[in-house]
Amino acid sequence: MAGIFGIVGESNCTDELILGASYLQHGAQQYCGVAVYDGDKLIDKTHKGKMKEPNNERSFNGLRGHAGIASLASDRQPISELSKFGAFLFAFDGNVINYLSLP
């Protein structure tokens, strides 16, 4: 099972995202990631391993944003996408049982 942690605020929330997600992480999740929005752009970083491993934690230090999500999963999440409708951050925890019938 994956974990998803999100924050929206007025100041940089990256440290709180990392701390909150690290409380959720246990041995079954193979990947961790953080995606933030700073008002102009989306930035996401994902890594194999634990959120609080020194190499992973250092690579998240450059992220700054007032809104974001952190994800812990068996695959690389979260992802960011730009579309004609705007910017999106995605993380998913579950199963799509009717995926064959989706267009």
PDB file of N, CA and C in Angstrom:
ATOM      1  N   MET A   1       0.839  -1.170   0.000  1.00  0.00           N
ATOM      2  CA  MET A   1       0.000   0.000   0.000  1.00  0.00           C
ATOM      3  C   MET A   1       0.888   1.238   0.000  1.00  0.00           C
ATOM      4  N   ALA A   2       0.489   2.227  -0.739  1.00  0.00           N
ATOM      5  CA  ALA A   2       1.232   3.475  -0.870  1.00  0.00           C
ATOM      6  C   ALA A   2       0.747   4.483   0.160  1.00  0.00           C
ATOM      7  N   GLY A   3       1.486   5.562   0.293  1.00  0.00           N
ATOM      8  CA  GLY A   3       1.092   6.669   1.145  1.00  0.00           C
ATOM      9  C   GLY A   3       1.169   7.965   0.371  1.00  0.00           C
ATOM     10  N   ILE A   4       0.223   8.856   0.620  1.00  0.00           N
ATOM     11  CA  ILE A   4       0.180  10.158  -0.045  1.00  0.00           C
ATOM     12  C   ILE A   4      -0.012  11.212   1.032  1.00  0.00           C
ATOM     13  N   PHE A   5       0.799  12.267   0.976  1.00  0.00           N
ATOM     14  CA  PHE A   5       0.740  13.339   1.959  1.00  0.00           C
ATOM     15  C   PHE A   5       0.763  14.652   1.200  1.00  0.00           C
ATOM     16  N   GLY A   6      -0.141  15.574   1.507  1.00  0.00           N
ATOM     17  CA  GLY A   6      -0.202  16.839   0.786  1.00  0.00           C
ATOM     18  C   GLY A   6      -0.318  18.041   1.699  1.00  0.00           C
ATOM     19  N   ILE A   7       0.168  19.174   1.218  1.00  0.00           N
ATOM     20  CA  ILE A   7       0.119  20.433   1.969  1.00  0.00           C
ATOM     21  C   ILE A   7      -0.137  21.581   0.992  1.00  0.00           C
ATOM     22  N   VAL A   8      -0.958  22.533   1.411  1.00  0.00           N
ATOM     23  CA  VAL A   8      -1.124  23.810   0.720  1.00  0.00           C
ATOM     24  C   VAL A   8      -0.946  24.891   1.773  1.00  0.00           C
ATOM     25  N   GLY A   9      -0.091  25.867   1.516  1.00  0.00           N
ATOM     26  CA  GLY A   9       0.163  26.927   2.489  1.00  0.00           C
ATOM     27  C   GLY A   9       0.604  28.199   1.813  1.00  0.00           C
ATOM     28  N   GLU A  10       1.078  29.132   2.605  1.00  0.00           N
ATOM     29  CA  GLU A  10       1.521  30.418   2.078  1.00  0.00           C
ATOM     30  C   GLU A  10       3.035  30.516   1.963  1.00  0.00           C
ATOM     31  N   SER A  11       3.765  29.585   2.582  1.00  0.00           N
ATOM     32  CA  SER A  11       5.226  29.614   2.529  1.00  0.00           C
ATOM     33  C   SER A  11       5.743  28.253   2.064  1.00  0.00           C
ATOM     34  N   ASN A  12       7.055  28.115   1.974  1.00  0.00           N
ATOM     35  CA  ASN A  12       7.655  26.877   1.504  1.00  0.00           C
ATOM     36  C   ASN A  12       7.231  25.701   2.394  1.00  0.00           C
ATOM     37  N   CYS A  13       6.746  24.632   1.787  1.00  0.00           N
ATOM     38  CA  CYS A  13       6.231  23.487   2.537  1.00  0.00           C
ATOM     39  C   CYS A  13       7.052  22.214   2.327  1.00  0.00           C
ATOM     40  N   THR A  14       8.194  22.294   1.662  1.00  0.00           N
ATOM     41  CA  THR A  14       8.958  21.099   1.308  1.00  0.00           C
ATOM     42  C   THR A  14       9.417  20.313   2.526  1.00  0.00           C
ATOM     43  N   ASP A  15       9.939  20.987   3.545  1.00  0.00           N
ATOM     44  CA  ASP A  15      10.403  20.278   4.739  1.00  0.00           C
ATOM     45  C   ASP A  15       9.265  19.526   5.414  1.00  0.00           C
ATOM     46  N   GLU A  16       8.093  20.152   5.491  1.00  0.00           N
ATOM     47  CA  GLU A  16       6.943  19.503   6.111  1.00  0.00           C
ATOM     48  C   GLU A  16       6.459  18.312   5.284  1.00  0.00           C
ATOM     49  N   LEU A  17       6.538  18.420   3.947  1.00  0.00           N
ATOM     50  CA  LEU A  17       6.166  17.294   3.089  1.00  0.00           C
ATOM     51  C   LEU A  17       7.072  16.084   3.345  1.00  0.00           C
ATOM     52  N   ILE A  18       8.361  16.323   3.413  1.00  0.00           N
ATOM     53  CA  ILE A  18       9.315  15.237   3.640  1.00  0.00           C
ATOM     54  C   ILE A  18       9.097  14.612   5.014  1.00  0.00           C
ATOM     55  N   LEU A  19       8.914  15.431   6.016  1.00  0.00           N
ATOM     56  CA  LEU A  19       8.700  14.929   7.375  1.00  0.00           C
ATOM     57  C   LEU A  19       7.391  14.143   7.467  1.00  0.00           C
ATOM     58  N   GLY A  20       6.310  14.690   6.921  1.00  0.00           N
ATOM     59  CA  GLY A  20       5.017  14.005   6.972  1.00  0.00           C
ATOM     60  C   GLY A  20       5.034  12.678   6.240  1.00  0.00           C
ATOM     61  N   ALA A  21       5.651  12.653   5.079  1.00  0.00           N
ATOM     62  CA  ALA A  21       5.710  11.406   4.306  1.00  0.00           C
ATOM     63  C   ALA A  21       6.615  10.380   4.977  1.00  0.00           C
ATOM     64  N   SER A  22       7.676  10.827   5.620  1.00  0.00           N
ATOM     65  CA  SER A  22       8.578   9.874   6.273  1.00  0.00           C
ATOM     66  C   SER A  22       7.878   9.155   7.418  1.00  0.00           C
ATOM     67  N   TYR A  23       6.906   9.795   8.069  1.00  0.00           N
ATOM     68  CA  TYR A  23       6.127   9.126   9.114  1.00  0.00           C
ATOM     69  C   TYR A  23       5.246   8.020   8.535  1.00  0.00           C
ATOM     70  N   LEU A  24       4.843   8.162   7.283  1.00  0.00           N
ATOM     71  CA  LEU A  24       3.985   7.163   6.645  1.00  0.00           C
ATOM     72  C   LEU A  24       4.763   5.980   6.080  1.00  0.00           C
ATOM     73  N   GLN A  25       6.046   6.156   5.820  1.00  0.00           N
ATOM     74  CA  GLN A  25       6.811   5.160   5.067  1.00  0.00           C
ATOM     75  C   GLN A  25       7.179   3.957   5.933  1.00  0.00           C
ATOM     76  N   HIS A  26       7.005   2.773   5.341  1.00  0.00           N
ATOM     77  CA  HIS A  26       7.417   1.518   5.970  1.00  0.00           C
ATOM     78  C   HIS A  26       8.195   0.709   4.942  1.00  0.00           C
ATOM     79  N   GLY A  27       8.540  -0.513   5.243  1.00  0.00           N
ATOM     80  CA  GLY A  27       9.444  -1.292   4.403  1.00  0.00           C
ATOM     81  C   GLY A  27       8.927  -1.704   3.042  1.00  0.00           C
ATOM     82  N   ALA A  28       7.626  -1.713   2.819  1.00  0.00           N
ATOM     83  CA  ALA A  28       7.089  -2.227   1.560  1.00  0.00           C
ATOM     84  C   ALA A  28       7.203  -1.245   0.394  1.00  0.00           C
ATOM     85  N   GLN A  29       7.310   0.033   0.677  1.00  0.00           N
ATOM     86  CA  GLN A  29       7.381   1.016  -0.402  1.00  0.00           C
ATOM     87  C   GLN A  29       8.811   1.140  -0.906  1.00  0.00           C
ATOM     88  N   GLN A  30       8.960   1.026  -2.227  1.00  0.00           N
ATOM     89  CA  GLN A  30      10.285   1.038  -2.831  1.00  0.00           C
ATOM     90  C   GLN A  30      10.715   2.422  -3.306  1.00  0.00           C
ATOM     91  N   TYR A  31       9.769   3.313  -3.544  1.00  0.00           N
ATOM     92  CA  TYR A  31      10.087   4.634  -4.086  1.00  0.00           C
ATOM     93  C   TYR A  31       9.471   5.725  -3.218  1.00  0.00           C
ATOM     94  N   CYS A  32      10.101   6.895  -3.261  1.00  0.00           N
ATOM     95  CA  CYS A  32       9.556   8.076  -2.608  1.00  0.00           C
ATOM     96  C   CYS A  32       9.680   9.240  -3.577  1.00  0.00           C
ATOM     97  N   GLY A  33       8.806  10.214  -3.412  1.00  0.00           N
ATOM     98  CA  GLY A  33       8.871  11.365  -4.297  1.00  0.00           C
ATOM     99  C   GLY A  33       8.157  12.563  -3.714  1.00  0.00           C
ATOM    100  N   VAL A  34       8.561  13.736  -4.179  1.00  0.00           N
ATOM    101  CA  VAL A  34       7.959  14.996  -3.770  1.00  0.00           C
ATOM    102  C   VAL A  34       7.721  15.824  -5.024  1.00  0.00           C
ATOM    103  N   ALA A  35       6.561  16.447  -5.100  1.00  0.00           N
ATOM    104  CA  ALA A  35       6.252  17.378  -6.186  1.00  0.00           C
ATOM    105  C   ALA A  35       5.690  18.648  -5.561  1.00  0.00           C
ATOM    106  N   VAL A  36       6.209  19.796  -5.979  1.00  0.00           N
ATOM    107  CA  VAL A  36       5.775  21.077  -5.417  1.00  0.00           C
ATOM    108  C   VAL A  36       5.423  22.061  -6.527  1.00  0.00           C
ATOM    109  N   TYR A  37       4.594  23.027  -6.159  1.00  0.00           N
ATOM    110  CA  TYR A  37       4.197  24.102  -7.060  1.00  0.00           C
ATOM    111  C   TYR A  37       4.569  25.418  -6.388  1.00  0.00           C
ATOM    112  N   ASP A  38       5.314  26.263  -7.094  1.00  0.00           N
ATOM    113  CA  ASP A  38       5.780  27.526  -6.509  1.00  0.00           C
ATOM    114  C   ASP A  38       5.018  28.743  -7.019  1.00  0.00           C
ATOM    115  N   GLY A  39       3.930  28.535  -7.712  1.00  0.00           N
ATOM    116  CA  GLY A  39       3.163  29.644  -8.274  1.00  0.00           C
ATOM    117  C   GLY A  39       3.404  29.833  -9.751  1.00  0.00           C
ATOM    118  N   ASP A  40       4.568  29.371 -10.247  1.00  0.00           N
ATOM    119  CA  ASP A  40       4.907  29.480 -11.664  1.00  0.00           C
ATOM    120  C   ASP A  40       5.123  28.131 -12.325  1.00  0.00           C
ATOM    121  N   LYS A  41       5.734  27.209 -11.603  1.00  0.00           N
ATOM    122  CA  LYS A  41       6.088  25.938 -12.230  1.00  0.00           C
ATOM    123  C   LYS A  41       5.936  24.780 -11.247  1.00  0.00           C
ATOM    124  N   LEU A  42       5.817  23.591 -11.829  1.00  0.00           N
ATOM    125  CA  LEU A  42       5.782  22.344 -11.066  1.00  0.00           C
ATOM    126  C   LEU A  42       7.158  21.711 -11.105  1.00  0.00           C
ATOM    127  N   ILE A  43       7.603  21.204  -9.973  1.00  0.00           N
ATOM    128  CA  ILE A  43       8.887  20.513  -9.902  1.00  0.00           C
ATOM    129  C   ILE A  43       8.659  19.204  -9.157  1.00  0.00           C
ATOM    130  N   ASP A  44       9.153  18.099  -9.717  1.00  0.00           N
ATOM    131  CA  ASP A  44       9.008  16.824  -9.019  1.00  0.00           C
ATOM    132  C   ASP A  44      10.324  16.062  -9.046  1.00  0.00           C
ATOM    133  N   LYS A  45      10.593  15.330  -7.969  1.00  0.00           N
ATOM    134  CA  LYS A  45      11.765  14.471  -7.866  1.00  0.00           C
ATOM    135  C   LYS A  45      11.341  13.171  -7.215  1.00  0.00           C
ATOM    136  N   THR A  46      11.806  12.065  -7.777  1.00  0.00           N
ATOM    137  CA  THR A  46      11.512  10.754  -7.208  1.00  0.00           C
ATOM    138  C   THR A  46      12.806   9.970  -7.055  1.00  0.00           C
ATOM    139  N   HIS A  47      12.810   9.062  -6.095  1.00  0.00           N
ATOM    140  CA  HIS A  47      13.993   8.268  -5.812  1.00  0.00           C
ATOM    141  C   HIS A  47      13.603   6.875  -5.361  1.00  0.00           C
ATOM    142  N   LYS A  48      14.476   5.942  -5.592  1.00  0.00           N
ATOM    143  CA  LYS A  48      14.317   4.612  -5.029  1.00  0.00           C
ATOM    144  C   LYS A  48      14.851   4.649  -3.605  1.00  0.00           C
ATOM    145  N   GLY A  49      14.131   4.055  -2.674  1.00  0.00           N
ATOM    146  CA  GLY A  49      14.582   4.015  -1.289  1.00  0.00           C
ATOM    147  C   GLY A  49      13.677   4.814  -0.371  1.00  0.00           C
ATOM    148  N   LYS A  50      14.163   5.036   0.819  1.00  0.00           N
ATOM    149  CA  LYS A  50      13.406   5.728   1.868  1.00  0.00           C
ATOM    150  C   LYS A  50      13.500   7.245   1.730  1.00  0.00           C
ATOM    151  N   MET A  51      12.454   7.914   2.185  1.00  0.00           N
ATOM    152  CA  MET A  51      12.387   9.368   2.130  1.00  0.00           C
ATOM    153  C   MET A  51      13.522  10.003   2.934  1.00  0.00           C
ATOM    154  N   LYS A  52      13.843   9.478   4.094  1.00  0.00           N
ATOM    155  CA  LYS A  52      14.836  10.085   4.982  1.00  0.00           C
ATOM    156  C   LYS A  52      16.243   9.516   4.798  1.00  0.00           C
ATOM    157  N   GLU A  53      16.518   8.764   3.727  1.00  0.00           N
ATOM    158  CA  GLU A  53      17.893   8.355   3.448  1.00  0.00           C
ATOM    159  C   GLU A  53      18.690   9.602   3.086  1.00  0.00           C
ATOM    160  N   PRO A  54      19.929   9.697   3.538  1.00  0.00           N
ATOM    161  CA  PRO A  54      20.705  10.931   3.322  1.00  0.00           C
ATOM    162  C   PRO A  54      20.771  11.395   1.868  1.00  0.00           C
ATOM    163  N   ASN A  55      21.035  10.510   0.933  1.00  0.00           N
ATOM    164  CA  ASN A  55      21.128  10.926  -0.475  1.00  0.00           C
ATOM    165  C   ASN A  55      19.799  11.441  -0.997  1.00  0.00           C
ATOM    166  N   ASN A  56      18.710  10.794  -0.642  1.00  0.00           N
ATOM    167  CA  ASN A  56      17.390  11.238  -1.091  1.00  0.00           C
ATOM    168  C   ASN A  56      17.019  12.569  -0.446  1.00  0.00           C
ATOM    169  N   GLU A  57      17.227  12.669   0.845  1.00  0.00           N
ATOM    170  CA  GLU A  57      16.851  13.889   1.553  1.00  0.00           C
ATOM    171  C   GLU A  57      17.616  15.102   1.028  1.00  0.00           C
ATOM    172  N   ARG A  58      18.906  14.941   0.729  1.00  0.00           N
ATOM    173  CA  ARG A  58      19.694  16.054   0.169  1.00  0.00           C
ATOM    174  C   ARG A  58      19.155  16.495  -1.190  1.00  0.00           C
ATOM    175  N   SER A  59      18.718  15.552  -2.006  1.00  0.00           N
ATOM    176  CA  SER A  59      18.248  15.928  -3.340  1.00  0.00           C
ATOM    177  C   SER A  59      16.917  16.675  -3.292  1.00  0.00           C
ATOM    178  N   PHE A  60      16.163  16.508  -2.219  1.00  0.00           N
ATOM    179  CA  PHE A  60      14.901  17.244  -2.073  1.00  0.00           C
ATOM    180  C   PHE A  60      15.134  18.668  -1.560  1.00  0.00           C
ATOM    181  N   ASN A  61      16.320  18.977  -1.051  1.00  0.00           N
ATOM    182  CA  ASN A  61      16.583  20.282  -0.444  1.00  0.00           C
ATOM    183  C   ASN A  61      16.353  21.448  -1.397  1.00  0.00           C
ATOM    184  N   GLY A  62      16.591  21.282  -2.688  1.00  0.00           N
ATOM    185  CA  GLY A  62      16.433  22.374  -3.629  1.00  0.00           C
ATOM    186  C   GLY A  62      14.996  22.675  -4.009  1.00  0.00           C
ATOM    187  N   LEU A  63      14.072  21.842  -3.606  1.00  0.00           N
ATOM    188  CA  LEU A  63      12.664  22.061  -3.945  1.00  0.00           C
ATOM    189  C   LEU A  63      12.070  23.147  -3.061  1.00  0.00           C
ATOM    190  N   ARG A  64      11.324  24.044  -3.688  1.00  0.00           N
ATOM    191  CA  ARG A  64      10.613  25.089  -2.942  1.00  0.00           C
ATOM    192  C   ARG A  64       9.260  25.280  -3.577  1.00  0.00           C
ATOM    193  N   GLY A  65       8.235  25.320  -2.754  1.00  0.00           N
ATOM    194  CA  GLY A  65       6.890  25.566  -3.234  1.00  0.00           C
ATOM    195  C   GLY A  65       5.935  25.736  -2.079  1.00  0.00           C
ATOM    196  N   HIS A  66       4.813  26.400  -2.345  1.00  0.00           N
ATOM    197  CA  HIS A  66       3.822  26.617  -1.287  1.00  0.00           C
ATOM    198  C   HIS A  66       2.715  25.555  -1.291  1.00  0.00           C
ATOM    199  N   ALA A  67       2.736  24.676  -2.267  1.00  0.00           N
ATOM    200  CA  ALA A  67       1.773  23.568  -2.323  1.00  0.00           C
ATOM    201  C   ALA A  67       2.493  22.358  -2.893  1.00  0.00           C
ATOM    202  N   GLY A  68       2.124  21.180  -2.398  1.00  0.00           N
ATOM    203  CA  GLY A  68       2.793  19.998  -2.922  1.00  0.00           C
ATOM    204  C   GLY A  68       2.236  18.705  -2.370  1.00  0.00           C
ATOM    205  N   ILE A  69       2.725  17.607  -2.957  1.00  0.00           N
ATOM    206  CA  ILE A  69       2.380  16.277  -2.482  1.00  0.00           C
ATOM    207  C   ILE A  69       3.658  15.453  -2.387  1.00  0.00           C
ATOM    208  N   ALA A  70       3.645  14.533  -1.447  1.00  0.00           N
ATOM    209  CA  ALA A  70       4.714  13.549  -1.314  1.00  0.00           C
ATOM    210  C   ALA A  70       4.061  12.187  -1.442  1.00  0.00           C
ATOM    211  N   SER A  71       4.752  11.270  -2.090  1.00  0.00           N
ATOM    212  CA  SER A  71       4.190   9.951  -2.338  1.00  0.00           C
ATOM    213  C   SER A  71       5.206   8.875  -1.990  1.00  0.00           C
ATOM    214  N   LEU A  72       4.697   7.773  -1.471  1.00  0.00           N
ATOM    215  CA  LEU A  72       5.484   6.594  -1.150  1.00  0.00           C
ATOM    216  C   LEU A  72       4.778   5.427  -1.825  1.00  0.00           C
ATOM    217  N   ALA A  73       5.479   4.722  -2.706  1.00  0.00           N
ATOM    218  CA  ALA A  73       4.798   3.696  -3.478  1.00  0.00           C
ATOM    219  C   ALA A  73       5.789   2.655  -3.982  1.00  0.00           C
ATOM    220  N   SER A  74       5.268   1.660  -4.682  1.00  0.00           N
ATOM    221  CA  SER A  74       6.117   0.636  -5.272  1.00  0.00           C
ATOM    222  C   SER A  74       6.593   1.037  -6.663  1.00  0.00           C
ATOM    223  N   ASP A  75       6.145   2.199  -7.167  1.00  0.00           N
ATOM    224  CA  ASP A  75       6.637   2.737  -8.432  1.00  0.00           C
ATOM    225  C   ASP A  75       6.873   4.235  -8.269  1.00  0.00           C
ATOM    226  N   ARG A  76       7.442   4.860  -9.301  1.00  0.00           N
ATOM    227  CA  ARG A  76       7.817   6.278  -9.200  1.00  0.00           C
ATOM    228  C   ARG A  76       6.589   7.177  -9.231  1.00  0.00           C
ATOM    229  N   GLN A  77       6.366   7.881  -8.140  1.00  0.00           N
ATOM    230  CA  GLN A  77       5.305   8.858  -8.004  1.00  0.00           C
ATOM    231  C   GLN A  77       5.830   9.944  -7.087  1.00  0.00           C
ATOM    232  N   PRO A  78       5.311  11.116  -7.053  1.00  0.00           N
ATOM    233  CA  PRO A  78       4.276  11.669  -7.906  1.00  0.00           C
ATOM    234  C   PRO A  78       4.840  12.106  -9.249  1.00  0.00           C
ATOM    235  N   ILE A  79       3.954  12.384 -10.159  1.00  0.00           N
ATOM    236  CA  ILE A  79       4.354  12.897 -11.461  1.00  0.00           C
ATOM    237  C   ILE A  79       3.669  14.240 -11.675  1.00  0.00           C
ATOM    238  N   SER A  80       4.269  15.073 -12.473  1.00  0.00           N
ATOM    239  CA  SER A  80       3.656  16.355 -12.817  1.00  0.00           C
ATOM    240  C   SER A  80       3.415  16.392 -14.312  1.00  0.00           C
ATOM    241  N   GLU A  81       2.340  17.015 -14.690  1.00  0.00           N
ATOM    242  CA  GLU A  81       1.957  17.121 -16.098  1.00  0.00           C
ATOM    243  C   GLU A  81       1.448  18.517 -16.389  1.00  0.00           C
ATOM    244  N   LEU A  82       1.819  19.030 -17.535  1.00  0.00           N
ATOM    245  CA  LEU A  82       1.259  20.274 -18.034  1.00  0.00           C
ATOM    246  C   LEU A  82       0.336  19.927 -19.186  1.00  0.00           C
ATOM    247  N   SER A  83      -0.859  20.461 -19.177  1.00  0.00           N
ATOM    248  CA  SER A  83      -1.818  20.184 -20.243  1.00  0.00           C
ATOM    249  C   SER A  83      -2.466  21.490 -20.674  1.00  0.00           C
ATOM    250  N   LYS A  84      -3.359  21.406 -21.642  1.00  0.00           N
ATOM    251  CA  LYS A  84      -4.056  22.611 -22.084  1.00  0.00           C
ATOM    252  C   LYS A  84      -5.006  23.126 -21.001  1.00  0.00           C
ATOM    253  N   PHE A  85      -5.272  22.300 -19.971  1.00  0.00           N
ATOM    254  CA  PHE A  85      -6.136  22.698 -18.862  1.00  0.00           C
ATOM    255  C   PHE A  85      -5.363  23.279 -17.687  1.00  0.00           C
ATOM    256  N   GLY A  86      -4.033  23.207 -17.731  1.00  0.00           N
ATOM    257  CA  GLY A  86      -3.198  23.717 -16.651  1.00  0.00           C
ATOM    258  C   GLY A  86      -2.224  22.668 -16.156  1.00  0.00           C
ATOM    259  N   ALA A  87      -1.686  22.921 -14.969  1.00  0.00           N
ATOM    260  CA  ALA A  87      -0.679  22.042 -14.382  1.00  0.00           C
ATOM    261  C   ALA A  87      -1.332  21.098 -13.375  1.00  0.00           C
ATOM    262  N   PHE A  88      -0.858  19.843 -13.336  1.00  0.00           N
ATOM    263  CA  PHE A  88      -1.403  18.834 -12.438  1.00  0.00           C
ATOM    264  C   PHE A  88      -0.280  18.070 -11.758  1.00  0.00           C
ATOM    265  N   LEU A  89      -0.490  17.712 -10.498  1.00  0.00           N
ATOM    266  CA  LEU A  89       0.372  16.786  -9.771  1.00  0.00           C
ATOM    267  C   LEU A  89      -0.447  15.532  -9.499  1.00  0.00           C
ATOM    268  N   PHE A  90       0.107  14.353  -9.789  1.00  0.00           N
ATOM    269  CA  PHE A  90      -0.624  13.108  -9.626  1.00  0.00           C
ATOM    270  C   PHE A  90       0.104  12.143  -8.698  1.00  0.00           C
ATOM    271  N   ALA A  91      -0.652  11.505  -7.818  1.00  0.00           N
ATOM    272  CA  ALA A  91      -0.197  10.358  -7.041  1.00  0.00           C
ATOM    273  C   ALA A  91      -1.408   9.449  -6.901  1.00  0.00           C
ATOM    274  N   PHE A  92      -1.191   8.156  -6.902  1.00  0.00           N
ATOM    275  CA  PHE A  92      -2.301   7.215  -6.913  1.00  0.00           C
ATOM    276  C   PHE A  92      -2.033   6.068  -5.958  1.00  0.00           C
ATOM    277  N   ASP A  93      -3.052   5.693  -5.209  1.00  0.00           N
ATOM    278  CA  ASP A  93      -2.978   4.546  -4.309  1.00  0.00           C
ATOM    279  C   ASP A  93      -4.266   3.750  -4.471  1.00  0.00           C
ATOM    280  N   GLY A  94      -4.218   2.715  -5.259  1.00  0.00           N
ATOM    281  CA  GLY A  94      -5.414   1.900  -5.448  1.00  0.00           C
ATOM    282  C   GLY A  94      -5.337   1.084  -6.718  1.00  0.00           C
ATOM    283  N   ASN A  95      -6.476   0.555  -7.109  1.00  0.00           N
ATOM    284  CA  ASN A  95      -6.593  -0.246  -8.317  1.00  0.00           C
ATOM    285  C   ASN A  95      -7.717   0.281  -9.179  1.00  0.00           C
ATOM    286  N   VAL A  96      -7.487   0.336 -10.469  1.00  0.00           N
ATOM    287  CA  VAL A  96      -8.541   0.694 -11.420  1.00  0.00           C
ATOM    288  C   VAL A  96      -9.048  -0.627 -11.991  1.00  0.00           C
ATOM    289  N   ILE A  97     -10.150  -1.135 -11.456  1.00  0.00           N
ATOM    290  CA  ILE A  97     -10.603  -2.474 -11.819  1.00  0.00           C
ATOM    291  C   ILE A  97     -11.260  -2.532 -13.196  1.00  0.00           C
ATOM    292  N   ASN A  98     -11.710  -1.393 -13.717  1.00  0.00           N
ATOM    293  CA  ASN A  98     -12.354  -1.375 -15.032  1.00  0.00           C
ATOM    294  C   ASN A  98     -11.467  -0.733 -16.091  1.00  0.00           C
ATOM    295  N   TYR A  99     -10.140  -0.840 -15.928  1.00  0.00           N
ATOM    296  CA  TYR A  99      -9.218  -0.143 -16.834  1.00  0.00           C
ATOM    297  C   TYR A  99      -9.362  -0.589 -18.284  1.00  0.00           C
ATOM    298  N   LEU A 100      -9.795  -1.815 -18.528  1.00  0.00           N
ATOM    299  CA  LEU A 100      -9.946  -2.290 -19.908  1.00  0.00           C
ATOM    300  C   LEU A 100     -11.096  -1.582 -20.638  1.00  0.00           C
ATOM    301  N   SER A 101     -12.084  -1.114 -19.901  1.00  0.00           N
ATOM    302  CA  SER A 101     -13.218  -0.445 -20.535  1.00  0.00           C
ATOM    303  C   SER A 101     -13.035   1.066 -20.677  1.00  0.00           C
ATOM    304  N   LEU A 102     -11.933   1.588 -20.143  1.00  0.00           N
ATOM    305  CA  LEU A 102     -11.681   3.029 -20.261  1.00  0.00           C
ATOM    306  C   LEU A 102     -11.148   3.355 -21.657  1.00  0.00           C
ATOM    307  N   PRO A 103     -11.538   4.544 -22.191  1.00  0.00           N
ATOM    308  CA  PRO A 103     -11.065   4.899 -23.547  1.00  0.00           C
ATOM    309  C   PRO A 103      -9.586   5.191 -23.600  1.00  0.00           C
TER     310      PRO A 103
END
